[in-house]
Amino acid sequence: MAGNGGIIGPLNTVTAAVCLSAKVSTFNSTGCLTAQATANADYMVIAGGGSGGGNKGGGGGAGGYRASGFGPAPTQGCAVPVVACTTYVITVGGGGSAGSPSPCAAMGNDGTDSVFNYNGSTITSAGGGAGGGRPGCVGMGRDGGSGGGGVGGYGGNPCGAAGGSGDVPDVTPNQGSNGGTGTAGAASCDAGGGGGSAVNVGGNGSPGAGAGGAGGNGVTNNISGSCVVYAGGGGGGVRAGDGQPPGRSVGPGGTGGGGDGGRGPPAPSVAAQAGTTNLGGGGGGSGSGLASGAGGPGIVIIKEPAVSLPATAPGIWQMNTVYDFVKDGNWV
């Protein structure tokens, strides 16, 4: 005879009900998420930005931006399911490395993807496209989460080059925008186009003594608990000299971590700026003979909702305990 009221088996252990607060997990680099409960979690997944192009290069495109629950409604996807105590791999994409100052290797470099793996599926944001440079690929900006800007015109391509396409590969809602076009350079007035951002197309390079194309402004998201602007495009670089004003304006980087473009010599030359770390911004395009700005690394933020977990009682009850609960009206 068992000593638990005639029932053979382990005694029951009661786990009290508990209320779990919402949990925000921020990943500035690759890591793992262990879910606190079975629920639908919101996310923001931003890839690394592309670097700018060289030699009056286009600005780098912002890393692809995908989010649910927070940010502008048109950019919001759906929350995704996670299972309690399950570990999920989070990959945070790096920014594209700075483009070489050499005219023969002046294209920028693409950013890399960020990925949230969950229950056999993924949310993947594509790396930002590189800014176009002279002379690679006739200076066109590269496709990506957001497209890189095109290089300013030059002798072999006096019309200027087109920006790359954003939202490549295509997802719903869109993850980014197109890069701007470099201006024509028939009179050495070349200026690169700005990189695209999460929600805005990069600006075109301005003709004459005008500025480089502005990087597209990024998008505000408060999933972290603070309003932060992410995924801005890099500004286009400009040529100086050959009759151009020495103080010609560079293309400004977009809000959300886009780096400003650069200006080549003669003095005062200006170095292109990198995209901001963990905002996924594109790097600035450079002026003549200078390195471009690197793309900014991405970020992943997961927000699990507040949940109420009921009391649990696994195992087997003693018969006398069941009797007492029934007698008191507490047996459910």
Protein backbone atom coordinates (compact mmCIF):
# COMPACT_ATOMS: atom_id res chain seq x y z
CA MET A 1 0.00 0.00 0.00
CA ALA A 2 1.42 3.38 -0.97
CA GLY A 3 1.66 6.05 1.70
CA ASN A 4 -0.14 8.66 -0.39
CA GLY A 5 -3.78 7.77 0.08
CA GLY A 6 -3.80 4.60 -2.02
CA ILE A 7 -2.47 6.12 -5.27
CA ILE A 8 0.83 4.81 -6.59
CA GLY A 9 3.05 7.48 -8.17
CA PRO A 10 4.96 10.67 -7.37
CA LEU A 11 3.39 13.22 -5.06
CA ASN A 12 2.08 16.39 -6.72
CA THR A 13 4.12 19.59 -6.63
CA VAL A 14 2.22 22.85 -7.02
CA THR A 15 3.85 25.66 -9.00
CA ALA A 16 2.26 29.01 -8.18
CA ALA A 17 0.81 31.27 -10.84
CA VAL A 18 3.22 33.94 -12.04
CA CYS A 19 3.06 37.12 -14.12
CA LEU A 20 6.04 37.65 -16.43
CA SER A 21 6.85 41.20 -17.53
CA ALA A 22 7.50 42.02 -21.17
CA LYS A 23 11.08 41.15 -22.09
CA VAL A 24 13.22 43.10 -24.58
CA SER A 25 16.36 41.37 -25.88
CA THR A 26 18.80 43.48 -27.90
CA PHE A 27 21.49 41.89 -30.07
CA ASN A 28 24.32 44.12 -31.25
CA SER A 29 26.17 41.02 -32.42
CA THR A 30 25.27 37.42 -33.20
CA GLY A 31 23.85 35.46 -30.25
CA CYS A 32 20.96 33.34 -28.98
CA LEU A 33 17.50 34.12 -27.59
CA THR A 34 15.85 31.80 -25.06
CA ALA A 35 12.12 32.47 -24.98
CA GLN A 36 10.62 33.08 -21.54
CA ALA A 37 7.13 31.85 -22.52
CA THR A 38 5.09 30.50 -25.40
CA ALA A 39 3.74 33.63 -27.11
CA ASN A 40 3.90 35.79 -30.24
CA ALA A 41 7.01 37.99 -30.15
CA ASP A 42 7.61 41.27 -31.96
CA TYR A 43 10.91 41.90 -33.71
CA MET A 44 13.08 44.46 -35.44
CA VAL A 45 15.73 42.98 -37.73
CA ILE A 46 18.16 45.37 -39.47
CA ALA A 47 21.01 44.21 -41.68
CA GLY A 48 24.43 45.80 -42.09
CA GLY A 49 24.64 48.87 -44.34
CA GLY A 50 26.63 48.96 -47.57
CA SER A 51 29.80 51.02 -47.80
CA GLY A 52 30.07 54.02 -50.10
CA GLY A 53 31.76 53.97 -53.49
CA GLY A 54 35.05 55.71 -54.30
CA ASN A 55 35.98 58.49 -56.72
CA LYS A 56 32.88 60.68 -56.46
CA GLY A 57 31.10 57.55 -55.34
CA GLY A 58 27.53 56.88 -54.42
CA GLY A 59 26.50 56.49 -50.80
CA GLY A 60 25.96 53.01 -49.42
CA GLY A 61 22.43 51.68 -49.05
CA ALA A 62 21.02 51.09 -45.58
CA GLY A 63 20.66 47.55 -44.33
CA GLY A 64 17.28 45.97 -44.91
CA TYR A 65 14.69 46.86 -42.25
CA ARG A 66 11.96 44.49 -41.09
CA ALA A 67 9.82 44.96 -37.99
CA SER A 68 6.52 44.08 -36.34
CA GLY A 69 4.43 45.85 -33.73
CA PHE A 70 6.47 49.06 -33.68
CA GLY A 71 7.44 51.78 -36.16
CA PRO A 72 5.27 53.20 -38.95
CA ALA A 73 2.26 51.02 -39.72
CA PRO A 74 3.12 50.51 -43.42
CA THR A 75 6.44 48.91 -42.42
CA GLN A 76 5.00 46.49 -39.86
CA GLY A 77 4.86 42.76 -40.40
CA CYS A 78 3.23 40.24 -38.04
CA ALA A 79 4.56 39.03 -34.70
CA VAL A 80 5.93 35.48 -34.79
CA PRO A 81 5.51 32.52 -32.41
CA VAL A 82 8.19 31.45 -29.95
CA VAL A 83 8.06 28.52 -27.52
CA ALA A 84 8.99 28.69 -23.85
CA CYS A 85 12.54 27.62 -22.96
CA THR A 86 13.45 27.20 -26.64
CA THR A 87 16.69 28.75 -27.90
CA TYR A 88 16.72 30.67 -31.18
CA VAL A 89 19.79 31.79 -33.14
CA ILE A 90 20.07 35.50 -33.93
CA THR A 91 22.51 36.64 -36.65
CA VAL A 92 23.49 40.31 -36.80
CA GLY A 93 24.90 41.44 -40.14
CA GLY A 94 28.10 43.45 -40.46
CA GLY A 95 28.53 46.64 -42.46
CA GLY A 96 30.35 46.59 -45.78
CA SER A 97 34.04 47.38 -45.47
CA ALA A 98 35.29 50.74 -46.73
CA GLY A 99 36.01 51.01 -50.45
CA SER A 100 39.61 51.39 -51.58
CA PRO A 101 40.93 54.82 -52.62
CA SER A 102 42.45 53.19 -55.72
CA PRO A 103 40.61 54.09 -58.94
CA CYS A 104 40.84 50.46 -59.98
CA ALA A 105 38.99 49.15 -56.92
CA ALA A 106 36.59 51.93 -56.11
CA MET A 107 33.29 50.07 -55.78
CA GLY A 108 31.94 49.85 -52.26
CA ASN A 109 31.07 46.60 -50.50
CA ASP A 110 27.67 45.20 -49.60
CA GLY A 111 26.53 44.79 -46.01
CA THR A 112 25.61 41.32 -44.75
CA ASP A 113 22.24 39.90 -43.76
CA SER A 114 20.67 39.84 -40.30
CA VAL A 115 18.47 36.85 -39.46
CA PHE A 116 15.98 35.93 -36.71
CA ASN A 117 15.46 32.15 -36.75
CA TYR A 118 12.23 30.96 -35.13
CA ASN A 119 10.43 27.60 -35.19
CA GLY A 120 11.81 26.48 -38.54
CA SER A 121 11.24 29.85 -40.25
CA THR A 122 13.27 33.05 -40.55
CA ILE A 123 12.94 36.79 -40.71
CA THR A 124 15.85 37.83 -42.94
CA SER A 125 16.86 41.40 -43.72
CA ALA A 126 19.25 41.81 -46.66
CA GLY A 127 22.53 43.68 -46.44
CA GLY A 128 22.58 47.19 -47.89
CA GLY A 129 23.86 47.63 -51.44
CA ALA A 130 27.29 49.13 -52.06
CA GLY A 131 27.66 52.61 -53.48
CA GLY A 132 28.83 52.78 -57.08
CA GLY A 133 32.40 53.84 -57.80
CA ARG A 134 34.63 54.41 -60.77
CA PRO A 135 35.13 52.34 -62.81
CA GLY A 136 33.56 49.09 -61.56
CA CYS A 137 30.28 48.01 -63.17
CA VAL A 138 30.14 51.42 -64.90
CA GLY A 139 29.55 52.87 -61.46
CA MET A 140 26.02 51.65 -60.80
CA GLY A 141 24.97 51.30 -57.18
CA ARG A 142 24.38 47.73 -56.08
CA ASP A 143 21.03 46.23 -55.18
CA GLY A 144 20.29 45.21 -51.60
CA GLY A 145 18.05 45.79 -48.61
CA SER A 146 18.34 49.39 -49.74
CA GLY A 147 20.18 50.28 -52.94
CA GLY A 148 23.52 52.05 -53.12
CA GLY A 149 23.81 55.39 -54.93
CA GLY A 150 25.36 55.63 -58.40
CA VAL A 151 28.77 57.19 -59.09
CA GLY A 152 29.07 60.69 -60.51
CA GLY A 153 29.75 60.93 -64.23
CA TYR A 154 33.24 60.78 -65.70
CA GLY A 155 34.90 60.38 -69.07
CA GLY A 156 33.89 56.76 -69.63
CA ASN A 157 30.37 57.36 -68.34
CA PRO A 158 29.58 61.06 -68.70
CA CYS A 159 25.88 60.58 -67.96
CA GLY A 160 26.34 59.41 -64.39
CA ALA A 161 25.22 56.04 -63.12
CA ALA A 162 21.94 54.77 -61.73
CA GLY A 163 21.43 53.80 -58.13
CA GLY A 164 20.81 50.23 -57.06
CA SER A 165 17.37 48.83 -56.31
CA GLY A 166 16.14 48.43 -52.76
CA ASP A 167 13.94 45.65 -51.34
CA VAL A 168 16.09 42.96 -52.98
CA PRO A 169 15.04 40.25 -52.46
CA ASP A 170 11.43 41.37 -52.45
CA VAL A 171 9.55 40.95 -49.16
CA THR A 172 6.28 42.28 -47.76
CA PRO A 173 6.30 44.93 -46.35
CA ASN A 174 9.24 46.34 -48.31
CA GLN A 175 12.57 46.30 -46.48
CA GLY A 176 14.18 49.28 -48.21
CA SER A 177 14.37 51.85 -51.01
CA ASN A 178 16.37 52.64 -54.16
CA GLY A 179 19.63 54.56 -54.31
CA GLY A 180 19.95 57.91 -56.09
CA THR A 181 21.60 58.60 -59.46
CA GLY A 182 25.02 60.19 -59.87
CA THR A 183 25.03 63.46 -61.78
CA ALA A 184 26.44 63.88 -65.27
CA GLY A 185 30.11 64.82 -65.40
CA ALA A 186 30.65 66.32 -68.83
CA ALA A 187 32.22 69.38 -67.24
CA SER A 188 33.81 67.49 -64.33
CA CYS A 189 30.84 68.36 -62.16
CA ASP A 190 30.48 64.81 -60.94
CA ALA A 191 28.67 64.00 -57.70
CA GLY A 192 27.51 60.61 -56.44
CA GLY A 193 23.92 59.75 -55.60
CA GLY A 194 22.79 59.06 -52.05
CA GLY A 195 22.07 55.60 -50.73
CA GLY A 196 18.49 54.50 -50.13
CA SER A 197 17.06 54.09 -46.64
CA ALA A 198 14.41 51.90 -45.03
CA VAL A 199 11.63 54.22 -46.24
CA ASN A 200 13.15 56.90 -48.52
CA VAL A 201 14.90 56.92 -51.88
CA GLY A 202 18.42 58.36 -51.95
CA GLY A 203 18.84 61.82 -53.47
CA ASN A 204 20.40 62.38 -56.89
CA GLY A 205 23.76 64.09 -57.24
CA SER A 206 23.42 67.79 -58.08
CA PRO A 207 24.88 69.21 -61.30
CA GLY A 208 27.24 72.14 -61.64
CA ALA A 209 28.79 73.06 -58.33
CA GLY A 210 25.97 71.37 -56.42
CA ALA A 211 26.19 68.86 -53.60
CA GLY A 212 26.36 65.10 -53.61
CA GLY A 213 23.09 63.25 -53.28
CA ALA A 214 21.64 63.05 -49.79
CA GLY A 215 21.21 59.69 -48.15
CA GLY A 216 17.60 58.72 -47.55
CA ASN A 217 16.34 59.46 -44.04
CA GLY A 218 15.70 56.39 -41.90
CA VAL A 219 12.75 55.16 -39.88
CA THR A 220 11.86 55.67 -36.20
CA ASN A 221 11.15 52.61 -34.07
CA ASN A 222 10.58 52.36 -30.29
CA ILE A 223 10.64 48.59 -29.76
CA SER A 224 13.56 49.12 -27.35
CA GLY A 225 11.52 51.50 -25.20
CA SER A 226 13.17 54.58 -26.71
CA CYS A 227 12.48 56.26 -30.04
CA VAL A 228 15.53 55.64 -32.23
CA VAL A 229 16.02 56.31 -35.95
CA TYR A 230 17.49 53.39 -37.91
CA ALA A 231 18.61 52.43 -41.43
CA GLY A 232 19.60 55.74 -43.06
CA GLY A 233 21.39 55.91 -46.42
CA GLY A 234 24.92 57.19 -46.98
CA GLY A 235 25.58 60.53 -48.70
CA GLY A 236 27.21 60.85 -52.12
CA GLY A 237 30.81 61.98 -52.62
CA VAL A 238 31.84 64.94 -54.81
CA ARG A 239 34.73 66.00 -57.00
CA ALA A 240 36.69 69.12 -56.25
CA GLY A 241 39.28 70.83 -58.41
CA ASP A 242 39.18 71.20 -62.21
CA GLY A 243 37.33 74.46 -61.78
CA GLN A 244 35.02 73.22 -59.02
CA PRO A 245 34.68 75.30 -55.88
CA PRO A 246 37.02 73.88 -53.20
CA GLY A 247 34.25 74.03 -50.61
CA ARG A 248 31.70 72.12 -52.67
CA SER A 249 29.16 70.43 -50.37
CA VAL A 250 29.20 66.69 -49.85
CA GLY A 251 26.04 64.64 -49.74
CA PRO A 252 24.72 64.45 -46.17
CA GLY A 253 24.02 61.05 -44.68
CA GLY A 254 20.41 60.27 -43.89
CA THR A 255 19.09 60.27 -40.34
CA GLY A 256 19.36 56.83 -38.83
CA GLY A 257 23.10 56.34 -39.09
CA GLY A 258 23.91 57.25 -42.71
CA GLY A 259 27.49 58.50 -43.15
CA ASP A 260 28.23 61.81 -44.91
CA GLY A 261 29.92 61.72 -48.28
CA GLY A 262 33.47 62.93 -48.86
CA ARG A 263 35.20 65.50 -51.06
CA GLY A 264 38.46 65.01 -52.88
CA PRO A 265 41.47 67.32 -53.06
CA PRO A 266 42.55 70.06 -53.53
CA ALA A 267 42.16 71.21 -49.97
CA PRO A 268 40.06 71.26 -48.05
CA SER A 269 39.37 67.60 -48.73
CA VAL A 270 36.78 65.85 -46.55
CA ALA A 271 36.86 62.19 -45.54
CA ALA A 272 33.74 60.13 -46.12
CA GLN A 273 32.05 58.99 -42.92
CA ALA A 274 31.12 55.47 -41.88
CA GLY A 275 27.56 54.42 -41.14
CA THR A 276 26.72 54.35 -37.44
CA THR A 277 27.30 51.09 -35.59
CA ASN A 278 24.15 49.06 -34.84
CA LEU A 279 21.88 51.39 -36.80
CA GLY A 280 22.47 49.70 -40.15
CA GLY A 281 23.32 52.98 -41.90
CA GLY A 282 25.09 53.18 -45.26
CA GLY A 283 28.60 54.61 -45.52
CA GLY A 284 29.35 57.84 -47.38
CA GLY A 285 30.76 57.90 -50.92
CA SER A 286 34.24 59.34 -51.20
CA GLY A 287 35.83 62.13 -53.19
CA SER A 288 38.66 61.58 -55.65
CA GLY A 289 41.50 59.38 -54.41
CA LEU A 290 40.10 58.79 -50.91
CA ALA A 291 38.62 55.76 -49.15
CA SER A 292 34.85 55.58 -48.80
CA GLY A 293 32.92 55.24 -45.54
CA ALA A 294 32.22 51.74 -44.21
CA GLY A 295 28.67 50.58 -43.66
CA GLY A 296 27.27 50.42 -40.15
CA PRO A 297 26.59 47.00 -38.56
CA GLY A 298 22.97 46.04 -38.05
CA ILE A 299 20.94 45.14 -34.97
CA VAL A 300 18.19 42.73 -33.91
CA ILE A 301 15.71 43.45 -31.11
CA ILE A 302 13.08 40.94 -29.94
CA LYS A 303 10.24 41.91 -27.61
CA GLU A 304 8.30 39.15 -25.88
CA PRO A 305 4.93 40.24 -24.40
CA ALA A 306 3.92 40.20 -20.76
CA VAL A 307 2.17 36.91 -19.96
CA SER A 308 0.32 35.35 -17.02
CA LEU A 309 1.24 31.72 -16.39
CA PRO A 310 -1.39 29.74 -14.43
CA ALA A 311 -0.56 27.58 -11.45
CA THR A 312 0.39 24.05 -12.41
CA ALA A 313 0.28 20.78 -10.48
CA PRO A 314 1.93 17.94 -12.35
CA GLY A 315 2.10 14.49 -10.80
CA ILE A 316 -0.47 12.55 -8.75
CA TRP A 317 -2.59 13.89 -5.91
CA GLN A 318 -3.05 12.18 -2.56
CA MET A 319 -6.67 11.01 -2.22
CA ASN A 320 -7.10 12.70 1.17
CA THR A 321 -5.88 16.00 -0.37
CA VAL A 322 -8.41 15.68 -3.20
CA TYR A 323 -11.12 15.01 -0.62
CA ASP A 324 -10.18 18.12 1.37
CA PHE A 325 -10.20 20.34 -1.79
CA VAL A 326 -13.59 18.97 -2.90
CA LYS A 327 -15.09 19.41 0.58
CA ASP A 328 -13.89 23.04 0.70
CA GLY A 329 -15.12 23.79 -2.83
CA ASN A 330 -11.62 24.44 -4.14
CA TRP A 331 -11.28 21.50 -6.55
CA VAL A 332 -11.48 22.62 -10.17
